[in-house]
Amino acid sequence: MNVNFKLVPEAVAFARPENAHQILTQVSALFSNVYGLDSDAVFEGLEQREALGSTGFGRGVAIPHCRSAAVNRPTMALLKLEQPVDFKSADGIPVSLVFGLVSPENAGATHLHALAAISRLVRDETMLARLNDAADSEAMFAVLTNQFLRVAA
């Protein structure tokens, strides 16, 4: 199943957090600044999900996610960290790419499909290398929109 993600160029950024808490804070701020979501509500949702277990996917990637009534389709933000940060990933590798995901509140299957799509993306060695090698946010956005599933503003 294809997932119609909402992703705009402004939601792709470089960041320099020092810990997992700062990652969640910066992802929440990105959702607020770019999509107009309440940063406190997003942060609380992300933090509640992390309390269930780390969303550190492995391979240097984290996928913090939550649900919100404020979105009508899976909405994504991407942070590339200038320095890797421990995110308690199962493989122990510090995180350098953070895919934030906010899905509609009642989108059970859609939310799972969105997570699966991101998971497939980061399991692709070529895609992961392209994202890690991207020199700036514009290049990262181009990699996603040229190679990823349907992405629309």
C-alpha atoms as a PDB file:
ATOM      1  CA  MET A   1       0.000   0.000   0.000  1.00  0.00           C
ATOM      2  CA  ASN A   2       1.308   3.427  -0.919  1.00  0.00           C
ATOM      3  CA  VAL A   3       1.184   6.082   1.762  1.00  0.00           C
ATOM      4  CA  ASN A   4       0.485   9.681   0.838  1.00  0.00           C
ATOM      5  CA  PHE A   5       2.856  11.546   3.166  1.00  0.00           C
ATOM      6  CA  LYS A   6       2.732  15.240   3.774  1.00  0.00           C
ATOM      7  CA  LEU A   7       6.284  16.546   3.563  1.00  0.00           C
ATOM      8  CA  VAL A   8       7.448  20.007   2.550  1.00  0.00           C
ATOM      9  CA  PRO A   9      11.054  21.175   2.040  1.00  0.00           C
ATOM     10  CA  GLU A  10      10.960  23.292   5.213  1.00  0.00           C
ATOM     11  CA  ALA A  11      10.326  20.130   7.278  1.00  0.00           C
ATOM     12  CA  VAL A  12      13.775  18.771   6.414  1.00  0.00           C
ATOM     13  CA  ALA A  13      16.540  20.258   8.531  1.00  0.00           C
ATOM     14  CA  PHE A  14      19.944  19.774  10.108  1.00  0.00           C
ATOM     15  CA  ALA A  15      20.166  19.872  13.909  1.00  0.00           C
ATOM     16  CA  ARG A  16      22.677  19.587  16.725  1.00  0.00           C
ATOM     17  CA  PRO A  17      20.846  18.059  19.702  1.00  0.00           C
ATOM     18  CA  GLU A  18      22.905  16.617  22.536  1.00  0.00           C
ATOM     19  CA  ASN A  19      20.475  13.940  23.741  1.00  0.00           C
ATOM     20  CA  ALA A  20      17.215  12.124  22.960  1.00  0.00           C
ATOM     21  CA  HIS A  21      15.134  14.692  24.864  1.00  0.00           C
ATOM     22  CA  GLN A  22      16.515  17.489  22.690  1.00  0.00           C
ATOM     23  CA  ILE A  23      15.812  15.426  19.573  1.00  0.00           C
ATOM     24  CA  LEU A  24      12.138  15.151  20.525  1.00  0.00           C
ATOM     25  CA  THR A  25      12.051  18.862  21.380  1.00  0.00           C
ATOM     26  CA  GLN A  26      13.551  19.823  18.018  1.00  0.00           C
ATOM     27  CA  VAL A  27      11.275  17.470  16.054  1.00  0.00           C
ATOM     28  CA  SER A  28       8.253  18.924  17.879  1.00  0.00           C
ATOM     29  CA  ALA A  29       9.413  22.466  17.119  1.00  0.00           C
ATOM     30  CA  LEU A  30       9.837  21.554  13.444  1.00  0.00           C
ATOM     31  CA  PHE A  31       6.261  20.219  13.287  1.00  0.00           C
ATOM     32  CA  SER A  32       5.074  23.423  14.965  1.00  0.00           C
ATOM     33  CA  ASN A  33       7.073  25.861  12.842  1.00  0.00           C
ATOM     34  CA  VAL A  34       6.388  24.159   9.515  1.00  0.00           C
ATOM     35  CA  TYR A  35       2.933  22.624   9.866  1.00  0.00           C
ATOM     36  CA  GLY A  36       1.425  24.794  12.611  1.00  0.00           C
ATOM     37  CA  LEU A  37       0.982  21.904  15.049  1.00  0.00           C
ATOM     38  CA  ASP A  38       1.090  22.542  18.795  1.00  0.00           C
ATOM     39  CA  SER A  39       4.708  21.759  19.709  1.00  0.00           C
ATOM     40  CA  ASP A  40       3.813  20.851  23.310  1.00  0.00           C
ATOM     41  CA  ALA A  41       1.131  18.405  22.153  1.00  0.00           C
ATOM     42  CA  VAL A  42       3.465  16.809  19.611  1.00  0.00           C
ATOM     43  CA  PHE A  43       6.270  16.589  22.178  1.00  0.00           C
ATOM     44  CA  GLU A  44       3.915  14.971  24.695  1.00  0.00           C
ATOM     45  CA  GLY A  45       2.741  12.440  22.093  1.00  0.00           C
ATOM     46  CA  LEU A  46       6.300  11.598  21.053  1.00  0.00           C
ATOM     47  CA  GLU A  47       7.432  11.320  24.659  1.00  0.00           C
ATOM     48  CA  GLN A  48       4.501   9.043  25.574  1.00  0.00           C
ATOM     49  CA  ARG A  49       5.410   6.761  22.676  1.00  0.00           C
ATOM     50  CA  GLU A  50       9.096   6.705  23.707  1.00  0.00           C
ATOM     51  CA  ALA A  51       8.025   5.673  27.215  1.00  0.00           C
ATOM     52  CA  LEU A  52       6.714   2.427  25.671  1.00  0.00           C
ATOM     53  CA  GLY A  53      10.138   1.714  24.173  1.00  0.00           C
ATOM     54  CA  SER A  54      12.698   3.488  22.064  1.00  0.00           C
ATOM     55  CA  THR A  55      11.752   4.324  18.489  1.00  0.00           C
ATOM     56  CA  GLY A  56      15.426   4.001  17.645  1.00  0.00           C
ATOM     57  CA  PHE A  57      15.002   1.833  14.566  1.00  0.00           C
ATOM     58  CA  GLY A  58      18.654   0.894  14.234  1.00  0.00           C
ATOM     59  CA  ARG A  59      21.234   1.620  11.545  1.00  0.00           C
ATOM     60  CA  GLY A  60      21.555   5.182  12.870  1.00  0.00           C
ATOM     61  CA  VAL A  61      17.858   5.972  12.398  1.00  0.00           C
ATOM     62  CA  ALA A  62      15.070   6.887  14.818  1.00  0.00           C
ATOM     63  CA  ILE A  63      11.387   7.169  13.927  1.00  0.00           C
ATOM     64  CA  PRO A  64       9.677   9.005  16.792  1.00  0.00           C
ATOM     65  CA  HIS A  65       5.965   9.024  16.080  1.00  0.00           C
ATOM     66  CA  CYS A  66       2.575   9.836  17.507  1.00  0.00           C
ATOM     67  CA  ARG A  67      -0.995  10.536  16.467  1.00  0.00           C
ATOM     68  CA  SER A  68      -2.903  13.803  16.462  1.00  0.00           C
ATOM     69  CA  ALA A  69      -6.345  15.078  15.534  1.00  0.00           C
ATOM     70  CA  ALA A  70      -4.576  18.115  14.030  1.00  0.00           C
ATOM     71  CA  VAL A  71      -3.453  16.235  10.872  1.00  0.00           C
ATOM     72  CA  ASN A  72      -5.500  14.533   8.170  1.00  0.00           C
ATOM     73  CA  ARG A  73      -2.742  12.314   6.723  1.00  0.00           C
ATOM     74  CA  PRO A  74       0.686  11.067   7.826  1.00  0.00           C
ATOM     75  CA  THR A  75       2.880  14.126   8.187  1.00  0.00           C
ATOM     76  CA  MET A  76       6.651  13.825   8.232  1.00  0.00           C
ATOM     77  CA  ALA A  77       9.668  15.833   9.312  1.00  0.00           C
ATOM     78  CA  LEU A  78      13.297  14.784   8.922  1.00  0.00           C
ATOM     79  CA  LEU A  79      16.267  15.868  11.005  1.00  0.00           C
ATOM     80  CA  LYS A  80      19.820  15.032  10.060  1.00  0.00           C
ATOM     81  CA  LEU A  81      21.956  15.279  13.167  1.00  0.00           C
ATOM     82  CA  GLU A  82      25.336  16.937  12.857  1.00  0.00           C
ATOM     83  CA  GLN A  83      26.638  14.635  15.615  1.00  0.00           C
ATOM     84  CA  PRO A  84      25.162  11.173  16.290  1.00  0.00           C
ATOM     85  CA  VAL A  85      23.161  10.877  19.524  1.00  0.00           C
ATOM     86  CA  ASP A  86      22.371   7.816  21.652  1.00  0.00           C
ATOM     87  CA  PHE A  87      18.679   7.005  21.226  1.00  0.00           C
ATOM     88  CA  LYS A  88      18.712   3.598  22.945  1.00  0.00           C
ATOM     89  CA  SER A  89      18.356   1.807  19.608  1.00  0.00           C
ATOM     90  CA  ALA A  90      18.290  -1.982  19.778  1.00  0.00           C
ATOM     91  CA  ASP A  91      21.537  -2.221  17.801  1.00  0.00           C
ATOM     92  CA  GLY A  92      23.256   0.362  20.021  1.00  0.00           C
ATOM     93  CA  ILE A  93      24.220   2.571  17.064  1.00  0.00           C
ATOM     94  CA  PRO A  94      23.781   6.302  17.785  1.00  0.00           C
ATOM     95  CA  VAL A  95      21.166   8.084  15.684  1.00  0.00           C
ATOM     96  CA  SER A  96      22.042  10.487  12.886  1.00  0.00           C
ATOM     97  CA  LEU A  97      18.729  10.525  10.960  1.00  0.00           C
ATOM     98  CA  VAL A  98      15.407  11.203  12.695  1.00  0.00           C
ATOM     99  CA  PHE A  99      12.145  10.709  10.813  1.00  0.00           C
ATOM    100  CA  GLY A 100       9.373  12.371  12.829  1.00  0.00           C
ATOM    101  CA  LEU A 101       5.881  11.140  11.998  1.00  0.00           C
ATOM    102  CA  VAL A 102       2.507  12.473  13.110  1.00  0.00           C
ATOM    103  CA  SER A 103      -0.496  10.522  11.826  1.00  0.00           C
ATOM    104  CA  PRO A 104      -4.225  11.178  12.168  1.00  0.00           C
ATOM    105  CA  GLU A 105      -5.645  10.183  15.532  1.00  0.00           C
ATOM    106  CA  ASN A 106      -7.873   7.386  14.241  1.00  0.00           C
ATOM    107  CA  ALA A 107      -5.600   6.163  11.443  1.00  0.00           C
ATOM    108  CA  GLY A 108      -4.570   2.803  12.846  1.00  0.00           C
ATOM    109  CA  ALA A 109      -3.695   0.986   9.614  1.00  0.00           C
ATOM    110  CA  THR A 110      -2.536   4.143   7.844  1.00  0.00           C
ATOM    111  CA  HIS A 111      -0.151   4.922  10.718  1.00  0.00           C
ATOM    112  CA  LEU A 112       1.295   1.402  10.577  1.00  0.00           C
ATOM    113  CA  HIS A 113       1.670   1.602   6.790  1.00  0.00           C
ATOM    114  CA  ALA A 114       3.486   4.938   7.166  1.00  0.00           C
ATOM    115  CA  LEU A 115       5.901   3.444   9.701  1.00  0.00           C
ATOM    116  CA  ALA A 116       6.452   0.447   7.442  1.00  0.00           C
ATOM    117  CA  ALA A 117       7.176   2.710   4.460  1.00  0.00           C
ATOM    118  CA  ILE A 118       9.806   4.639   6.422  1.00  0.00           C
ATOM    119  CA  SER A 119      11.237   1.356   7.663  1.00  0.00           C
ATOM    120  CA  ARG A 120      11.564   0.034   4.092  1.00  0.00           C
ATOM    121  CA  LEU A 121      13.171   3.301   3.039  1.00  0.00           C
ATOM    122  CA  VAL A 122      15.915   3.159   5.663  1.00  0.00           C
ATOM    123  CA  ARG A 123      16.595  -0.557   5.102  1.00  0.00           C
ATOM    124  CA  ASP A 124      17.609   0.336   1.539  1.00  0.00           C
ATOM    125  CA  GLU A 125      21.417   0.711   1.699  1.00  0.00           C
ATOM    126  CA  THR A 126      21.578   3.093  -1.263  1.00  0.00           C
ATOM    127  CA  MET A 127      18.821   5.336   0.085  1.00  0.00           C
ATOM    128  CA  LEU A 128      20.339   5.424   3.557  1.00  0.00           C
ATOM    129  CA  ALA A 129      23.736   6.332   2.110  1.00  0.00           C
ATOM    130  CA  ARG A 130      22.210   9.091  -0.037  1.00  0.00           C
ATOM    131  CA  LEU A 131      20.441  10.610   2.951  1.00  0.00           C
ATOM    132  CA  ASN A 132      23.547  10.368   5.131  1.00  0.00           C
ATOM    133  CA  ASP A 133      25.707  11.883   2.375  1.00  0.00           C
ATOM    134  CA  ALA A 134      23.325  14.766   1.583  1.00  0.00           C
ATOM    135  CA  ALA A 135      25.152  18.057   2.089  1.00  0.00           C
ATOM    136  CA  ASP A 136      22.092  20.134   2.965  1.00  0.00           C
ATOM    137  CA  SER A 137      18.350  19.972   3.611  1.00  0.00           C
ATOM    138  CA  GLU A 138      17.501  20.653  -0.045  1.00  0.00           C
ATOM    139  CA  ALA A 139      19.534  17.623  -1.124  1.00  0.00           C
ATOM    140  CA  MET A 140      17.854  15.463   1.530  1.00  0.00           C
ATOM    141  CA  PHE A 141      14.405  16.599   0.379  1.00  0.00           C
ATOM    142  CA  ALA A 142      15.344  15.846  -3.228  1.00  0.00           C
ATOM    143  CA  VAL A 143      16.466  12.329  -2.293  1.00  0.00           C
ATOM    144  CA  LEU A 144      13.168  11.700  -0.508  1.00  0.00           C
ATOM    145  CA  THR A 145      10.930  13.123  -3.204  1.00  0.00           C
ATOM    146  CA  ASN A 146      12.815  11.431  -6.049  1.00  0.00           C
ATOM    147  CA  GLN A 147      13.042   7.998  -4.420  1.00  0.00           C
ATOM    148  CA  PHE A 148      10.366   7.716  -1.788  1.00  0.00           C
ATOM    149  CA  LEU A 149       6.705   6.871  -1.982  1.00  0.00           C
ATOM    150  CA  ARG A 150       4.199   9.551  -2.896  1.00  0.00           C
ATOM    151  CA  VAL A 151       5.038  12.772  -1.087  1.00  0.00           C
ATOM    152  CA  ALA A 152       2.782  15.793  -1.380  1.00  0.00           C
ATOM    153  CA  ALA A 153       2.638  19.204   0.234  1.00  0.00           C
END
